[in-house]
């Protein structure tokens, strides 16, 4: 059985792209920001070839994987667009963002349909917004609505005031309102609990826009191959052509689930997202936390590599950057790494700088023996397959 595992290290960019200035991301380099911290120790990623990738520096003499630097072709730098492109869908039009908050008519319709007032309505840090508006939200029953530099409509509420399932229903209402020109990439439930300054819980849930075209997942499902998800993947693709969802509470749990998936028999794809790098550390400018999380992942990666089967292929990549060392707390427009490893894959092939994340999709589909149909990307399988 041929199995492909794609593990997305959410936000692990490796340096600014040529158009980074258009996104105010000059100088961003997420990997460079964390690799020299004393808490960063990733010998397995190093042996695979992470530091052999173009412009990264500090590689090993004989890397075990094939490797490349990937360019984002889509017009964006967010999780949704990045994952869609990995799956073979290039987005030529950026998703809408709201640096000044959402239009009055959107908020009014949301308030009317939910029966609750909305507080804030502007870009905000997720941890700071509950500090500043949490007590008022608890006192009045109002919902905290905020956004970021990304295409998101986020709704926060205390779990004792708004039960989680009710918050999810409000998100579904918002998802129904945010269509057409206001079709944001994600509506996100952000429940919190406890006393001031409050704590966000693990009950976050994303209500994504459905992919606006065919993806690798559609092609695999159509051809009877497995499409298994770990972490946020199901949410990012709005469940479209994802046959199995495995939600996770943190990176460690995500890798434990992935290790369990590795023991199962299936033919097709296991698509994994590890969100803590972005959510807990990149957005919070926490270099030490990011570096420590990478070290923890590297240790779990060693176990995964040890248990790979003869026909397994592992792809490690990212969806955008989120440099924790810059003044910005937003995603950054960066190249991302790609490592491809397994017994069917040649070691040490430098694929250079590829023009799209979608080359992953094209290669995976070719390896699994199905036509790419209307998905984007150029396969590099012939260059790396033994």
Protein backbone atom coordinates (compact mmCIF):
# COMPACT_ATOMS: atom_id res chain seq x y z
CA UNK A 1 0.00 0.00 0.00
CA UNK A 2 1.28 3.45 -0.93
CA UNK A 3 0.80 5.99 1.83
CA UNK A 4 1.75 9.67 1.84
CA UNK A 5 1.97 11.72 5.03
CA UNK A 6 2.06 15.51 4.65
CA UNK A 7 2.97 17.28 7.89
CA UNK A 8 2.49 21.05 7.81
CA UNK A 9 4.56 22.91 10.40
CA UNK A 10 2.14 25.80 10.51
CA UNK A 11 4.04 29.08 9.91
CA UNK A 12 7.63 27.76 9.54
CA UNK A 13 8.75 30.18 6.83
CA UNK A 14 12.39 30.29 5.73
CA UNK A 15 12.86 33.84 4.49
CA UNK A 16 11.07 36.71 2.83
CA UNK A 17 9.77 36.31 -0.72
CA UNK A 18 10.63 38.93 -3.37
CA UNK A 19 7.22 40.57 -2.95
CA UNK A 20 7.36 40.65 0.86
CA UNK A 21 7.45 44.46 0.81
CA UNK A 22 3.94 44.48 -0.61
CA UNK A 23 2.81 42.75 2.58
CA UNK A 24 5.04 44.84 4.90
CA UNK A 25 7.08 41.72 5.70
CA UNK A 26 10.58 42.85 4.74
CA UNK A 27 13.24 40.98 6.71
CA UNK A 28 10.97 38.18 7.94
CA UNK A 29 12.60 34.78 8.40
CA UNK A 30 10.84 32.52 10.87
CA UNK A 31 13.39 29.70 10.88
CA UNK A 32 16.33 32.10 11.26
CA UNK A 33 14.56 33.72 14.21
CA UNK A 34 14.43 30.48 16.20
CA UNK A 35 17.32 28.26 15.06
CA UNK A 36 20.00 29.98 17.16
CA UNK A 37 17.97 29.96 20.36
CA UNK A 38 19.37 27.62 22.99
CA UNK A 39 16.06 25.73 23.15
CA UNK A 40 16.26 24.75 19.47
CA UNK A 41 17.67 21.26 18.92
CA UNK A 42 16.46 19.50 15.77
CA UNK A 43 19.00 16.85 14.72
CA UNK A 44 16.46 14.81 12.75
CA UNK A 45 15.30 17.74 10.63
CA UNK A 46 18.96 18.63 10.11
CA UNK A 47 19.81 15.10 8.94
CA UNK A 48 16.87 15.14 6.56
CA UNK A 49 18.20 18.33 4.97
CA UNK A 50 16.30 21.30 6.40
CA UNK A 51 19.44 23.43 6.46
CA UNK A 52 20.53 22.29 2.99
CA UNK A 53 17.61 24.14 1.41
CA UNK A 54 18.60 27.13 -0.75
CA UNK A 55 19.66 30.19 1.32
CA UNK A 56 19.03 28.49 4.70
CA UNK A 57 22.65 27.50 5.38
CA UNK A 58 24.34 25.07 7.74
CA UNK A 59 23.39 21.83 6.00
CA UNK A 60 24.87 18.36 6.33
CA UNK A 61 27.13 16.61 3.82
CA UNK A 62 24.69 13.83 2.95
CA UNK A 63 21.06 14.77 3.68
CA UNK A 64 18.64 11.85 3.88
CA UNK A 65 15.72 13.55 2.11
CA UNK A 66 15.15 15.41 -1.11
CA UNK A 67 14.48 19.06 -0.42
CA UNK A 68 13.35 22.37 -1.89
CA UNK A 69 12.40 25.95 -1.17
CA UNK A 70 8.79 26.60 -2.18
CA UNK A 71 7.36 29.89 -3.44
CA UNK A 72 3.76 30.81 -2.69
CA UNK A 73 2.04 31.51 -5.99
CA UNK A 74 -1.29 32.50 -4.48
CA UNK A 75 -2.18 36.05 -3.54
CA UNK A 76 -2.03 35.70 0.21
CA UNK A 77 -0.12 34.60 3.27
CA UNK A 78 -2.74 32.93 5.41
CA UNK A 79 -3.43 29.39 6.53
CA UNK A 80 -6.39 28.78 4.24
CA UNK A 81 -4.75 29.89 1.01
CA UNK A 82 -1.45 28.21 1.93
CA UNK A 83 -3.06 24.82 2.53
CA UNK A 84 -5.25 25.09 -0.54
CA UNK A 85 -2.14 25.70 -2.63
CA UNK A 86 -0.35 22.72 -1.06
CA UNK A 87 -3.41 20.76 -2.20
CA UNK A 88 -3.20 22.03 -5.78
CA UNK A 89 -5.47 25.09 -5.74
CA UNK A 90 -3.82 28.44 -6.50
CA UNK A 91 -5.80 31.50 -5.37
CA UNK A 92 -5.23 34.42 -7.71
CA UNK A 93 -7.45 36.80 -5.74
CA UNK A 94 -6.69 37.57 -2.09
CA UNK A 95 -9.36 36.87 0.48
CA UNK A 96 -10.88 40.04 1.99
CA UNK A 97 -9.30 41.59 5.07
CA UNK A 98 -10.66 44.27 7.40
CA UNK A 99 -7.99 46.53 8.90
CA UNK A 100 -10.72 48.94 10.05
CA UNK A 101 -13.18 46.33 11.24
CA UNK A 102 -16.20 44.86 9.50
CA UNK A 103 -18.77 47.06 7.74
CA UNK A 104 -21.73 48.28 9.77
CA UNK A 105 -24.21 46.24 7.73
CA UNK A 106 -22.33 43.00 8.46
CA UNK A 107 -22.25 43.63 12.22
CA UNK A 108 -25.90 44.69 12.30
CA UNK A 109 -27.02 41.56 10.46
CA UNK A 110 -24.89 39.41 12.76
CA UNK A 111 -26.40 41.03 15.85
CA UNK A 112 -29.92 40.65 14.51
CA UNK A 113 -29.51 36.97 13.67
CA UNK A 114 -27.72 36.01 16.89
CA UNK A 115 -29.76 38.22 19.21
CA UNK A 116 -26.55 39.41 20.88
CA UNK A 117 -24.58 42.63 20.63
CA UNK A 118 -21.05 42.64 19.21
CA UNK A 119 -18.09 44.23 20.99
CA UNK A 120 -14.74 45.44 19.61
CA UNK A 121 -14.97 44.91 15.81
CA UNK A 122 -11.36 45.69 14.93
CA UNK A 123 -8.03 43.90 14.50
CA UNK A 124 -6.79 42.63 17.86
CA UNK A 125 -4.52 40.12 19.52
CA UNK A 126 -6.56 37.11 20.59
CA UNK A 127 -5.12 37.10 24.10
CA UNK A 128 -5.38 40.86 24.56
CA UNK A 129 -8.95 41.15 23.28
CA UNK A 130 -10.32 38.93 26.04
CA UNK A 131 -8.41 40.96 28.63
CA UNK A 132 -9.88 44.20 27.33
CA UNK A 133 -13.43 43.06 26.52
CA UNK A 134 -13.90 39.83 28.48
CA UNK A 135 -15.50 41.33 31.59
CA UNK A 136 -17.94 43.44 29.57
CA UNK A 137 -18.82 40.38 27.48
CA UNK A 138 -19.55 38.37 30.63
CA UNK A 139 -21.59 41.18 32.18
CA UNK A 140 -23.70 41.95 29.11
CA UNK A 141 -23.76 38.64 27.22
CA UNK A 142 -22.33 40.39 24.16
CA UNK A 143 -20.01 38.58 21.77
CA UNK A 144 -16.45 39.79 21.15
CA UNK A 145 -15.98 40.10 17.40
CA UNK A 146 -12.50 40.86 16.09
CA UNK A 147 -10.18 40.20 13.16
CA UNK A 148 -6.46 40.30 12.34
CA UNK A 149 -4.28 40.91 9.31
CA UNK A 150 -5.68 37.63 7.98
CA UNK A 151 -9.05 37.03 6.38
CA UNK A 152 -10.83 36.02 9.58
CA UNK A 153 -13.98 36.84 11.52
CA UNK A 154 -13.31 35.74 15.10
CA UNK A 155 -15.91 35.39 17.85
CA UNK A 156 -14.90 35.10 21.48
CA UNK A 157 -17.12 34.35 24.47
CA UNK A 158 -16.76 32.90 27.97
CA UNK A 159 -17.86 29.28 28.07
CA UNK A 160 -19.93 29.88 31.23
CA UNK A 161 -21.91 32.61 29.45
CA UNK A 162 -22.09 31.19 25.93
CA UNK A 163 -21.83 27.39 25.82
CA UNK A 164 -19.40 26.11 23.21
CA UNK A 165 -22.09 24.58 20.97
CA UNK A 166 -24.00 27.86 21.02
CA UNK A 167 -20.84 29.74 20.05
CA UNK A 168 -20.37 27.33 17.17
CA UNK A 169 -23.93 28.07 16.05
CA UNK A 170 -23.16 31.78 16.05
CA UNK A 171 -20.12 31.05 13.90
CA UNK A 172 -22.30 29.17 11.43
CA UNK A 173 -24.59 32.20 11.30
CA UNK A 174 -21.60 34.44 10.57
CA UNK A 175 -20.37 32.01 7.93
CA UNK A 176 -23.74 32.32 6.20
CA UNK A 177 -23.54 36.12 6.27
CA UNK A 178 -19.94 36.38 5.06
CA UNK A 179 -20.37 35.54 1.39
CA UNK A 180 -19.68 37.27 -1.92
CA UNK A 181 -17.33 40.22 -1.51
CA UNK A 182 -17.18 39.53 2.24
CA UNK A 183 -16.34 35.82 1.94
CA UNK A 184 -13.56 35.68 4.54
CA UNK A 185 -11.33 32.64 4.65
CA UNK A 186 -12.34 31.57 8.15
CA UNK A 187 -14.87 32.26 10.86
CA UNK A 188 -13.24 31.17 14.12
CA UNK A 189 -14.83 30.32 17.46
CA UNK A 190 -12.55 31.51 20.28
CA UNK A 191 -14.02 30.37 23.61
CA UNK A 192 -12.30 31.37 26.84
CA UNK A 193 -12.74 30.51 30.49
CA UNK A 194 -11.62 31.32 34.03
CA UNK A 195 -11.21 34.67 35.77
CA UNK A 196 -9.55 37.83 34.49
CA UNK A 197 -7.24 37.92 32.49
CA UNK A 198 -8.93 34.72 31.25
CA UNK A 199 -7.61 31.74 29.33
CA UNK A 200 -8.47 30.61 25.81
CA UNK A 201 -9.55 26.98 25.70
CA UNK A 202 -8.82 24.15 23.30
CA UNK A 203 -12.39 24.35 21.95
CA UNK A 204 -11.39 26.65 19.11
CA UNK A 205 -13.15 25.70 15.90
CA UNK A 206 -12.68 27.05 12.36
CA UNK A 207 -15.53 27.44 9.90
CA UNK A 208 -13.72 27.79 6.60
CA UNK A 209 -14.74 28.94 3.20
CA UNK A 210 -15.11 25.91 0.93
CA UNK A 211 -12.22 25.64 -1.57
CA UNK A 212 -13.06 27.58 -4.72
CA UNK A 213 -11.92 24.86 -7.11
CA UNK A 214 -10.67 21.29 -7.32
CA UNK A 215 -8.04 20.08 -4.86
CA UNK A 216 -5.85 17.02 -4.42
CA UNK A 217 -8.35 15.78 -1.83
CA UNK A 218 -11.17 15.80 -4.40
CA UNK A 219 -9.06 13.82 -6.86
CA UNK A 220 -7.98 11.25 -4.29
CA UNK A 221 -11.50 10.70 -3.00
CA UNK A 222 -12.86 10.40 -6.54
CA UNK A 223 -10.29 7.66 -7.20
CA UNK A 224 -11.17 5.71 -4.07
CA UNK A 225 -8.05 6.62 -2.08
CA UNK A 226 -8.03 7.63 1.56
CA UNK A 227 -8.09 11.29 2.61
CA UNK A 228 -7.40 11.30 6.35
CA UNK A 229 -6.90 14.49 8.34
CA UNK A 230 -5.18 15.37 11.60
CA UNK A 231 -5.61 18.75 13.29
CA UNK A 232 -7.09 21.72 11.44
CA UNK A 233 -7.07 20.14 7.96
CA UNK A 234 -10.77 19.24 8.03
CA UNK A 235 -11.68 22.80 9.01
CA UNK A 236 -9.36 24.43 6.46
CA UNK A 237 -11.03 22.54 3.63
CA UNK A 238 -14.53 22.94 5.11
CA UNK A 239 -14.69 19.14 5.21
CA UNK A 240 -14.73 18.89 1.41
CA UNK A 241 -13.45 15.45 0.32
CA UNK A 242 -11.97 14.78 3.77
CA UNK A 243 -13.07 11.27 4.73
CA UNK A 244 -11.86 11.24 8.32
CA UNK A 245 -11.32 13.99 10.86
CA UNK A 246 -9.01 13.68 13.87
CA UNK A 247 -9.12 16.85 15.95
CA UNK A 248 -6.18 17.67 18.19
CA UNK A 249 -5.55 19.83 21.24
CA UNK A 250 -1.87 20.71 20.67
CA UNK A 251 1.18 19.79 18.58
CA UNK A 252 2.13 16.95 20.89
CA UNK A 253 -1.33 15.45 20.61
CA UNK A 254 -1.26 15.99 16.83
CA UNK A 255 1.92 13.97 16.51
CA UNK A 256 0.61 11.26 18.82
CA UNK A 257 -2.44 10.94 16.57
CA UNK A 258 -0.17 10.89 13.51
CA UNK A 259 1.94 8.13 15.05
CA UNK A 260 -1.25 6.16 15.63
CA UNK A 261 -2.29 6.75 12.01
CA UNK A 262 1.09 5.41 10.92
CA UNK A 263 0.16 2.04 12.45
CA UNK A 264 -3.03 1.79 10.38
CA UNK A 265 -3.53 0.19 6.98
CA UNK A 266 -4.75 2.60 4.30
CA UNK A 267 -3.84 3.65 0.80
CA UNK A 268 -3.78 7.34 0.08
CA UNK A 269 -3.04 10.49 2.07
CA UNK A 270 -2.79 11.47 5.73
CA UNK A 271 -2.73 15.30 5.87
CA UNK A 272 -1.50 16.78 9.18
CA UNK A 273 -1.48 20.34 10.52
CA UNK A 274 0.49 21.30 13.65
CA UNK A 275 -0.94 24.69 14.58
CA UNK A 276 0.88 25.56 17.83
CA UNK A 277 3.92 26.95 16.01
CA UNK A 278 1.67 29.65 14.57
CA UNK A 279 -1.10 30.10 17.12
CA UNK A 280 0.84 29.85 20.38
CA UNK A 281 4.29 31.12 19.41
CA UNK A 282 4.46 32.97 16.09
CA UNK A 283 1.51 35.24 16.76
CA UNK A 284 2.70 35.86 20.32
CA UNK A 285 6.29 36.70 19.34
CA UNK A 286 7.53 33.87 21.54
CA UNK A 287 10.92 32.83 20.15
CA UNK A 288 11.72 30.50 23.06
CA UNK A 289 8.33 28.78 22.85
CA UNK A 290 8.64 28.34 19.07
CA UNK A 291 12.16 26.92 19.37
CA UNK A 292 11.10 24.56 22.17
CA UNK A 293 8.09 23.35 20.17
CA UNK A 294 10.33 22.59 17.20
CA UNK A 295 12.60 20.54 19.47
CA UNK A 296 9.63 18.59 20.79
CA UNK A 297 8.41 17.91 17.24
CA UNK A 298 11.86 16.75 16.18
CA UNK A 299 11.88 14.16 18.94
CA UNK A 300 8.50 12.77 17.85
CA UNK A 301 9.66 12.87 14.24
CA UNK A 302 12.42 10.39 15.13
CA UNK A 303 9.78 7.85 16.16
CA UNK A 304 7.77 8.47 13.00
CA UNK A 305 10.81 7.94 10.77
CA UNK A 306 11.68 4.70 12.56
CA UNK A 307 8.22 3.23 11.88
CA UNK A 308 7.82 4.17 8.20
CA UNK A 309 6.90 1.33 5.83
CA UNK A 310 8.60 0.47 2.55
CA UNK A 311 6.13 2.38 0.34
CA UNK A 312 5.58 5.34 2.68
CA UNK A 313 6.51 8.87 1.65
CA UNK A 314 6.76 11.72 4.16
CA UNK A 315 6.49 15.37 3.12
CA UNK A 316 7.31 18.07 5.69
CA UNK A 317 6.43 21.63 4.72
CA UNK A 318 4.73 24.85 5.89
CA UNK A 319 1.93 27.14 4.73
CA UNK A 320 3.38 30.66 5.34
CA UNK A 321 5.65 32.40 7.83
CA UNK A 322 5.03 34.02 11.22
CA UNK A 323 8.37 35.41 12.35
CA UNK A 324 8.27 35.69 16.17
CA UNK A 325 11.20 38.12 16.26
CA UNK A 326 9.67 41.01 14.28
CA UNK A 327 7.43 43.74 15.74
CA UNK A 328 4.52 42.30 13.77
CA UNK A 329 2.40 39.52 15.27
CA UNK A 330 0.88 38.63 11.90
CA UNK A 331 1.73 36.04 9.27
CA UNK A 332 4.67 36.86 7.02
CA UNK A 333 5.06 36.42 3.26
CA UNK A 334 7.89 33.87 3.19
CA UNK A 335 9.23 30.92 1.24
CA UNK A 336 8.53 27.61 2.96
CA UNK A 337 10.68 24.47 3.30
CA UNK A 338 9.91 21.09 1.81
CA UNK A 339 11.51 17.78 2.77
CA UNK A 340 10.51 14.54 1.03
CA UNK A 341 11.66 11.28 2.58
CA UNK A 342 11.02 7.54 2.32
CA UNK A 343 12.49 4.36 0.87
CA UNK A 344 11.06 5.15 -2.61
CA UNK A 345 12.75 8.60 -2.54
CA UNK A 346 16.32 9.42 -3.49
CA UNK A 347 18.41 11.08 -0.81
CA UNK A 348 20.06 14.46 -1.21
CA UNK A 349 18.27 15.76 -4.31
CA UNK A 350 18.19 19.57 -4.26
CA UNK A 351 15.09 20.63 -6.16
CA UNK A 352 16.06 24.26 -5.83
CA UNK A 353 13.38 26.91 -5.56
CA UNK A 354 10.00 25.73 -6.85
CA UNK A 355 7.41 28.15 -8.21
CA UNK A 356 4.41 26.91 -6.23
CA UNK A 357 3.38 24.98 -3.13
CA UNK A 358 1.09 23.11 -5.54
CA UNK A 359 4.05 21.07 -6.79
CA UNK A 360 3.50 18.95 -3.67
CA UNK A 361 -0.02 18.09 -4.81
CA UNK A 362 1.06 17.19 -8.34
CA UNK A 363 3.83 14.94 -7.01
CA UNK A 364 1.64 13.20 -4.44
CA UNK A 365 -1.02 12.46 -7.05
CA UNK A 366 1.54 11.06 -9.47
CA UNK A 367 3.09 8.89 -6.75
CA UNK A 368 -0.34 7.52 -5.84
CA UNK A 369 -1.03 6.78 -9.51
CA UNK A 370 -3.89 9.16 -10.29
CA UNK A 371 -4.28 11.94 -12.85
CA UNK A 372 -3.98 15.46 -11.45
CA UNK A 373 -7.05 16.57 -13.44
CA UNK A 374 -7.67 20.32 -12.92
CA UNK A 375 -5.32 20.80 -9.98
CA UNK A 376 -2.28 23.05 -10.23
CA UNK A 377 1.42 22.30 -9.83
CA UNK A 378 4.23 20.49 -11.60
CA UNK A 379 5.30 17.07 -10.36
CA UNK A 380 8.95 16.56 -9.43
CA UNK A 381 8.54 12.81 -8.86
CA UNK A 382 10.85 11.73 -11.69
CA UNK A 383 13.66 13.80 -10.15
CA UNK A 384 13.43 12.15 -6.72
CA UNK A 385 12.02 8.66 -7.17
CA UNK A 386 14.45 5.75 -7.04
